[in-house]
C-alpha atoms as a PDB file:
ATOM      1  CA  MET A   1      13.720 -16.149 -18.203  1.00  0.00           C
ATOM      2  CA  SER A   2      15.778 -13.771 -20.338  1.00  0.00           C
ATOM      3  CA  PRO A   3      17.220 -10.550 -18.643  1.00  0.00           C
ATOM      4  CA  THR A   4      14.774  -8.506 -21.073  1.00  0.00           C
ATOM      5  CA  THR A   5      11.652 -10.582 -20.065  1.00  0.00           C
ATOM      6  CA  PRO A   6      10.003  -8.944 -17.122  1.00  0.00           C
ATOM      7  CA  GLY A   7       9.292 -11.463 -14.537  1.00  0.00           C
ATOM      8  CA  PRO A   8       6.157 -11.551 -12.266  1.00  0.00           C
ATOM      9  CA  ALA A   9       4.971  -8.391 -10.692  1.00  0.00           C
ATOM     10  CA  THR A  10       5.806  -7.638  -7.016  1.00  0.00           C
ATOM     11  CA  LEU A  11       3.392  -5.223  -5.130  1.00  0.00           C
ATOM     12  CA  LEU A  12       4.605  -3.290  -1.707  1.00  0.00           C
ATOM     13  CA  LEU A  13       1.769  -3.510   0.484  1.00  0.00           C
ATOM     14  CA  VAL A  14       2.030  -0.563   2.962  1.00  0.00           C
ATOM     15  CA  SER A  15      -0.678  -0.317   6.177  1.00  0.00           C
ATOM     16  CA  GLY A  16      -1.261   2.945   7.728  1.00  0.00           C
ATOM     17  CA  SER A  17      -1.740   1.292  10.866  1.00  0.00           C
ATOM     18  CA  LEU A  18       0.883   0.485  13.596  1.00  0.00           C
ATOM     19  CA  ARG A  19      -1.954  -1.381  15.588  1.00  0.00           C
ATOM     20  CA  VAL A  20      -1.902  -5.048  16.436  1.00  0.00           C
ATOM     21  CA  GLY A  21      -4.764  -6.643  14.948  1.00  0.00           C
ATOM     22  CA  SER A  22      -5.643  -3.967  12.431  1.00  0.00           C
ATOM     23  CA  THR A  23      -8.188  -4.572   9.571  1.00  0.00           C
ATOM     24  CA  ASN A  24      -5.918  -2.690   7.238  1.00  0.00           C
ATOM     25  CA  THR A  25      -3.171  -4.814   7.779  1.00  0.00           C
ATOM     26  CA  SER A  26      -5.097  -8.156   7.807  1.00  0.00           C
ATOM     27  CA  THR A  27      -6.775  -6.606   4.410  1.00  0.00           C
ATOM     28  CA  LEU A  28      -3.079  -6.606   3.076  1.00  0.00           C
ATOM     29  CA  ARG A  29      -2.378 -10.192   4.334  1.00  0.00           C
ATOM     30  CA  THR A  30      -5.544 -11.022   2.436  1.00  0.00           C
ATOM     31  CA  VAL A  31      -3.976  -9.181  -0.698  1.00  0.00           C
ATOM     32  CA  GLN A  32      -0.932 -11.548  -0.496  1.00  0.00           C
ATOM     33  CA  GLU A  33      -3.135 -14.617  -0.361  1.00  0.00           C
ATOM     34  CA  VAL A  34      -5.225 -13.514  -3.257  1.00  0.00           C
ATOM     35  CA  LEU A  35      -2.062 -12.801  -5.349  1.00  0.00           C
ATOM     36  CA  ALA A  36      -0.619 -16.214  -4.435  1.00  0.00           C
ATOM     37  CA  ASP A  37      -3.759 -17.680  -6.177  1.00  0.00           C
ATOM     38  CA  ARG A  38      -2.995 -15.870  -9.327  1.00  0.00           C
ATOM     39  CA  ALA A  39      -1.634 -17.988 -12.197  1.00  0.00           C
ATOM     40  CA  ASP A  40       0.862 -14.874 -13.307  1.00  0.00           C
ATOM     41  CA  GLY A  41       2.915 -15.283 -10.110  1.00  0.00           C
ATOM     42  CA  ALA A  42       2.506 -11.892  -8.825  1.00  0.00           C
ATOM     43  CA  THR A  43       3.189 -11.359  -5.375  1.00  0.00           C
ATOM     44  CA  GLY A  44       2.835  -8.912  -2.430  1.00  0.00           C
ATOM     45  CA  THR A  45       5.406  -7.875   0.437  1.00  0.00           C
ATOM     46  CA  LEU A  46       3.943  -6.180   3.408  1.00  0.00           C
ATOM     47  CA  TYR A  47       6.096  -3.396   4.429  1.00  0.00           C
ATOM     48  CA  ALA A  48       6.728  -3.797   8.146  1.00  0.00           C
ATOM     49  CA  GLY A  49       9.133  -0.788   8.848  1.00  0.00           C
ATOM     50  CA  MET A  50       6.817   2.001   9.387  1.00  0.00           C
ATOM     51  CA  GLY A  51       7.245   2.489  13.116  1.00  0.00           C
ATOM     52  CA  ASP A  52      11.117   2.365  12.528  1.00  0.00           C
ATOM     53  CA  LEU A  53      11.395   5.345  10.580  1.00  0.00           C
ATOM     54  CA  PRO A  54      12.495   8.507  12.244  1.00  0.00           C
ATOM     55  CA  HIS A  55      10.752  11.693  12.288  1.00  0.00           C
ATOM     56  CA  PHE A  56      10.858  13.354   9.059  1.00  0.00           C
ATOM     57  CA  ASN A  57      13.610  16.177   8.746  1.00  0.00           C
ATOM     58  CA  PRO A  58      14.833  17.445   5.561  1.00  0.00           C
ATOM     59  CA  ASP A  59      18.002  18.129   6.637  1.00  0.00           C
ATOM     60  CA  ASP A  60      18.620  14.253   7.198  1.00  0.00           C
ATOM     61  CA  ASP A  61      17.039  13.455   3.605  1.00  0.00           C
ATOM     62  CA  ARG A  62      20.476  13.015   2.093  1.00  0.00           C
ATOM     63  CA  ASP A  63      23.323  10.480   1.839  1.00  0.00           C
ATOM     64  CA  PRO A  64      23.659   8.564   3.691  1.00  0.00           C
ATOM     65  CA  LEU A  65      20.134   8.208   4.553  1.00  0.00           C
ATOM     66  CA  PRO A  66      18.799   6.657   8.019  1.00  0.00           C
ATOM     67  CA  GLY A  67      18.906   2.901   7.466  1.00  0.00           C
ATOM     68  CA  PRO A  68      15.031   2.497   7.690  1.00  0.00           C
ATOM     69  CA  VAL A  69      14.553   5.199   5.345  1.00  0.00           C
ATOM     70  CA  ALA A  70      16.843   3.762   3.029  1.00  0.00           C
ATOM     71  CA  GLY A  71      15.395   0.432   3.342  1.00  0.00           C
ATOM     72  CA  LEU A  72      12.064   1.929   2.576  1.00  0.00           C
ATOM     73  CA  ARG A  73      13.209   3.569  -0.569  1.00  0.00           C
ATOM     74  CA  THR A  74      14.852   0.340  -1.715  1.00  0.00           C
ATOM     75  CA  ALA A  75      11.428  -1.706  -1.070  1.00  0.00           C
ATOM     76  CA  ILE A  76       9.545   0.888  -3.289  1.00  0.00           C
ATOM     77  CA  ALA A  77      12.464   1.008  -6.198  1.00  0.00           C
ATOM     78  CA  ALA A  78      11.992  -2.917  -6.139  1.00  0.00           C
ATOM     79  CA  ALA A  79       8.122  -2.870  -6.124  1.00  0.00           C
ATOM     80  CA  SER A  80       6.095  -2.913  -9.606  1.00  0.00           C
ATOM     81  CA  GLY A  81       3.321  -1.197  -7.781  1.00  0.00           C
ATOM     82  CA  LEU A  82       2.307   0.097  -4.323  1.00  0.00           C
ATOM     83  CA  VAL A  83      -0.924  -0.665  -2.327  1.00  0.00           C
ATOM     84  CA  PHE A  84      -2.063   1.203   0.546  1.00  0.00           C
ATOM     85  CA  CYS A  85      -4.632   0.457   3.179  1.00  0.00           C
ATOM     86  CA  THR A  86      -4.961   3.018   6.093  1.00  0.00           C
ATOM     87  CA  PRO A  87      -7.429   3.860   8.642  1.00  0.00           C
ATOM     88  CA  GLU A  88      -8.442   7.602   9.316  1.00  0.00           C
ATOM     89  CA  TYR A  89      -7.855   9.333  12.114  1.00  0.00           C
ATOM     90  CA  ALA A  90      -9.404  12.670  12.989  1.00  0.00           C
ATOM     91  CA  GLY A  91     -10.360  13.282   9.366  1.00  0.00           C
ATOM     92  CA  ASP A  92      -7.091  12.461   7.871  1.00  0.00           C
ATOM     93  CA  MET A  93      -4.326   9.973   7.414  1.00  0.00           C
ATOM     94  CA  PRO A  94      -2.505   8.780  10.343  1.00  0.00           C
ATOM     95  CA  GLY A  95       0.841  10.720  11.544  1.00  0.00           C
ATOM     96  CA  SER A  96       3.142   7.780  10.994  1.00  0.00           C
ATOM     97  CA  LEU A  97       1.699   7.065   7.485  1.00  0.00           C
ATOM     98  CA  LYS A  98       2.173  10.610   6.525  1.00  0.00           C
ATOM     99  CA  ASN A  99       5.632  10.535   8.029  1.00  0.00           C
ATOM    100  CA  LEU A 100       6.477   7.438   5.686  1.00  0.00           C
ATOM    101  CA  LEU A 101       5.299   9.617   2.600  1.00  0.00           C
ATOM    102  CA  ASP A 102       7.375  12.509   3.534  1.00  0.00           C
ATOM    103  CA  TRP A 103      10.396  10.232   3.485  1.00  0.00           C
ATOM    104  CA  THR A 104       9.482   9.300  -0.183  1.00  0.00           C
ATOM    105  CA  VAL A 105       9.097  13.127  -1.546  1.00  0.00           C
ATOM    106  CA  GLY A 106      13.060  13.669  -1.400  1.00  0.00           C
ATOM    107  CA  GLY A 107      13.487  10.192  -3.628  1.00  0.00           C
ATOM    108  CA  VAL A 108      12.680   9.263  -7.138  1.00  0.00           C
ATOM    109  CA  GLU A 109      11.454   5.643  -6.447  1.00  0.00           C
ATOM    110  CA  ILE A 110       7.532   6.213  -6.357  1.00  0.00           C
ATOM    111  CA  GLN A 111       7.858   8.398  -9.538  1.00  0.00           C
ATOM    112  CA  GLY A 112       5.442   6.995 -11.978  1.00  0.00           C
ATOM    113  CA  LYS A 113       4.969   3.832  -9.736  1.00  0.00           C
ATOM    114  CA  PRO A 114       1.418   2.226 -10.314  1.00  0.00           C
ATOM    115  CA  THR A 115      -0.182   2.906  -7.005  1.00  0.00           C
ATOM    116  CA  ALA A 116      -3.592   2.280  -5.394  1.00  0.00           C
ATOM    117  CA  TRP A 117      -5.313   2.002  -2.134  1.00  0.00           C
ATOM    118  CA  ILE A 118      -8.091   0.141  -0.554  1.00  0.00           C
ATOM    119  CA  ASN A 119     -10.600   1.564   1.882  1.00  0.00           C
ATOM    120  CA  VAL A 120     -11.814  -0.785   4.390  1.00  0.00           C
ATOM    121  CA  SER A 121     -13.747   1.462   6.525  1.00  0.00           C
ATOM    122  CA  THR A 122     -17.184   0.426   7.535  1.00  0.00           C
ATOM    123  CA  SER A 123     -18.074   3.950   8.231  1.00  0.00           C
ATOM    124  CA  PRO A 124     -20.909   5.450   6.113  1.00  0.00           C
ATOM    125  CA  THR A 125     -18.340   8.047   5.295  1.00  0.00           C
ATOM    126  CA  GLY A 126     -15.590   5.807   4.782  1.00  0.00           C
ATOM    127  CA  ALA A 127     -12.301   7.544   5.117  1.00  0.00           C
ATOM    128  CA  ALA A 128     -12.702  10.037   2.549  1.00  0.00           C
ATOM    129  CA  GLY A 129     -10.457  12.413   4.425  1.00  0.00           C
ATOM    130  CA  THR A 130      -7.309  10.151   4.447  1.00  0.00           C
ATOM    131  CA  HIS A 131      -7.730   9.133   0.953  1.00  0.00           C
ATOM    132  CA  ALA A 132      -8.093  12.923  -0.260  1.00  0.00           C
ATOM    133  CA  ALA A 133      -4.799  13.401   1.432  1.00  0.00           C
ATOM    134  CA  LEU A 134      -3.284  10.421   0.218  1.00  0.00           C
ATOM    135  CA  ARG A 135      -3.937  11.411  -3.308  1.00  0.00           C
ATOM    136  CA  THR A 136      -2.577  14.927  -2.707  1.00  0.00           C
ATOM    137  CA  VAL A 137       0.457  13.672  -1.304  1.00  0.00           C
ATOM    138  CA  LEU A 138       0.926  10.737  -3.891  1.00  0.00           C
ATOM    139  CA  GLY A 139       0.507  13.609  -6.414  1.00  0.00           C
ATOM    140  CA  TYR A 140       3.714  15.413  -4.920  1.00  0.00           C
ATOM    141  CA  THR A 141       5.825  12.339  -5.179  1.00  0.00           C
ATOM    142  CA  GLY A 142       4.686  11.596  -8.775  1.00  0.00           C
ATOM    143  CA  ALA A 143       2.886   8.171  -8.242  1.00  0.00           C
ATOM    144  CA  ASP A 144       0.883   6.926 -11.043  1.00  0.00           C
ATOM    145  CA  ILE A 145      -2.475   6.743  -9.242  1.00  0.00           C
ATOM    146  CA  VAL A 146      -4.503   3.893 -10.556  1.00  0.00           C
ATOM    147  CA  ASP A 147      -8.140   5.299 -10.100  1.00  0.00           C
ATOM    148  CA  GLU A 148      -9.913   2.028 -10.883  1.00  0.00           C
ATOM    149  CA  ALA A 149      -7.764   0.014  -8.357  1.00  0.00           C
ATOM    150  CA  CYS A 150      -8.712   2.450  -5.785  1.00  0.00           C
ATOM    151  CA  VAL A 151     -11.605   0.755  -3.874  1.00  0.00           C
ATOM    152  CA  HIS A 152     -13.780   0.886  -1.172  1.00  0.00           C
ATOM    153  CA  VAL A 153     -14.462  -2.474   0.221  1.00  0.00           C
ATOM    154  CA  PRO A 154     -16.119  -2.203   3.706  1.00  0.00           C
ATOM    155  CA  VAL A 155     -14.413  -4.967   6.046  1.00  0.00           C
ATOM    156  CA  PRO A 156     -16.300  -5.283   9.360  1.00  0.00           C
ATOM    157  CA  ARG A 157     -13.660  -6.701  12.221  1.00  0.00           C
ATOM    158  CA  ASP A 158     -15.710 -10.131  12.206  1.00  0.00           C
ATOM    159  CA  ALA A 159     -14.868 -10.834   8.608  1.00  0.00           C
ATOM    160  CA  VAL A 160     -11.200 -11.378   9.633  1.00  0.00           C
ATOM    161  CA  ASP A 161     -10.518 -15.047  10.447  1.00  0.00           C
ATOM    162  CA  PRO A 162      -8.541 -15.778  13.744  1.00  0.00           C
ATOM    163  CA  ASP A 163      -5.412 -16.318  11.488  1.00  0.00           C
ATOM    164  CA  GLY A 164      -5.485 -12.397  10.441  1.00  0.00           C
ATOM    165  CA  VAL A 165      -7.124 -12.598   6.976  1.00  0.00           C
ATOM    166  CA  ILE A 166     -10.390 -12.155   5.303  1.00  0.00           C
ATOM    167  CA  GLY A 167     -11.815 -15.428   4.342  1.00  0.00           C
ATOM    168  CA  GLU A 168     -15.338 -14.131   3.026  1.00  0.00           C
ATOM    169  CA  ARG A 169     -15.386 -14.871  -0.613  1.00  0.00           C
ATOM    170  CA  ASP A 170     -17.328 -11.690  -2.010  1.00  0.00           C
ATOM    171  CA  LEU A 171     -14.480  -9.639  -0.011  1.00  0.00           C
ATOM    172  CA  ARG A 172     -11.617 -11.416  -1.725  1.00  0.00           C
ATOM    173  CA  VAL A 173     -13.372 -11.236  -5.220  1.00  0.00           C
ATOM    174  CA  ARG A 174     -13.599  -7.343  -4.787  1.00  0.00           C
ATOM    175  CA  ILE A 175      -9.959  -7.097  -3.418  1.00  0.00           C
ATOM    176  CA  GLY A 176      -8.826  -9.303  -6.334  1.00  0.00           C
ATOM    177  CA  ALA A 177     -10.562  -7.083  -8.922  1.00  0.00           C
ATOM    178  CA  ALA A 178      -8.558  -4.070  -7.815  1.00  0.00           C
ATOM    179  CA  LEU A 179      -5.460  -5.942  -7.841  1.00  0.00           C
ATOM    180  CA  THR A 180      -6.181  -6.792 -11.266  1.00  0.00           C
ATOM    181  CA  ALA A 181      -6.721  -3.239 -12.522  1.00  0.00           C
ATOM    182  CA  LEU A 182      -3.386  -2.487 -10.793  1.00  0.00           C
ATOM    183  CA  LEU A 183      -1.168  -5.265 -11.973  1.00  0.00           C
ATOM    184  CA  LYS A 184      -2.702  -4.418 -15.428  1.00  0.00           C
ATOM    185  CA  ARG A 185      -1.095  -0.922 -15.162  1.00  0.00           C
ATOM    186  CA  ALA A 186       2.091  -2.483 -13.744  1.00  0.00           C
ATOM    187  CA  ALA A 187       2.596  -4.838 -16.845  1.00  0.00           C
ATOM    188  CA  GLY A 188       2.643  -1.489 -19.073  1.00  0.00           C
END
């Protein structure tokens, strides 16, 4: 591959949940498997540092950045696109996810980056509040929200296999369709 030929897409996968056994995190592990089955070589990396980020303080949003923040921004910069999967708490996004997003506002890494989310809520109202808030904050960061890749794929807890991924074919196909839309935008 020549230096001018882009390599396979890499997606950064961000779970809005710190909970062990989170359906949101399991969905992103499934995204990794679905990507591995694609012929285009696209991959996904699950971001695991959300719990390590310090509370956002604008006074600290300067060089040198706190280590976990620098790591977050490096991971975003290296990615071809972003996928969020988050629960809704009290009608909004979890505070830990909002904190992560606050740390992205002062950087330019997310600007223009193809971005989507997968809503896995089984609630009749879904997670409308958190995804509306996510859209608002991502708008401030300049992310390129790929609407056709922002999907609601209800995932009941019993759809998650003991190995922490979703085995149900229909759910995997729906997740794959969203990824195809995101990767199409990432390919430009």
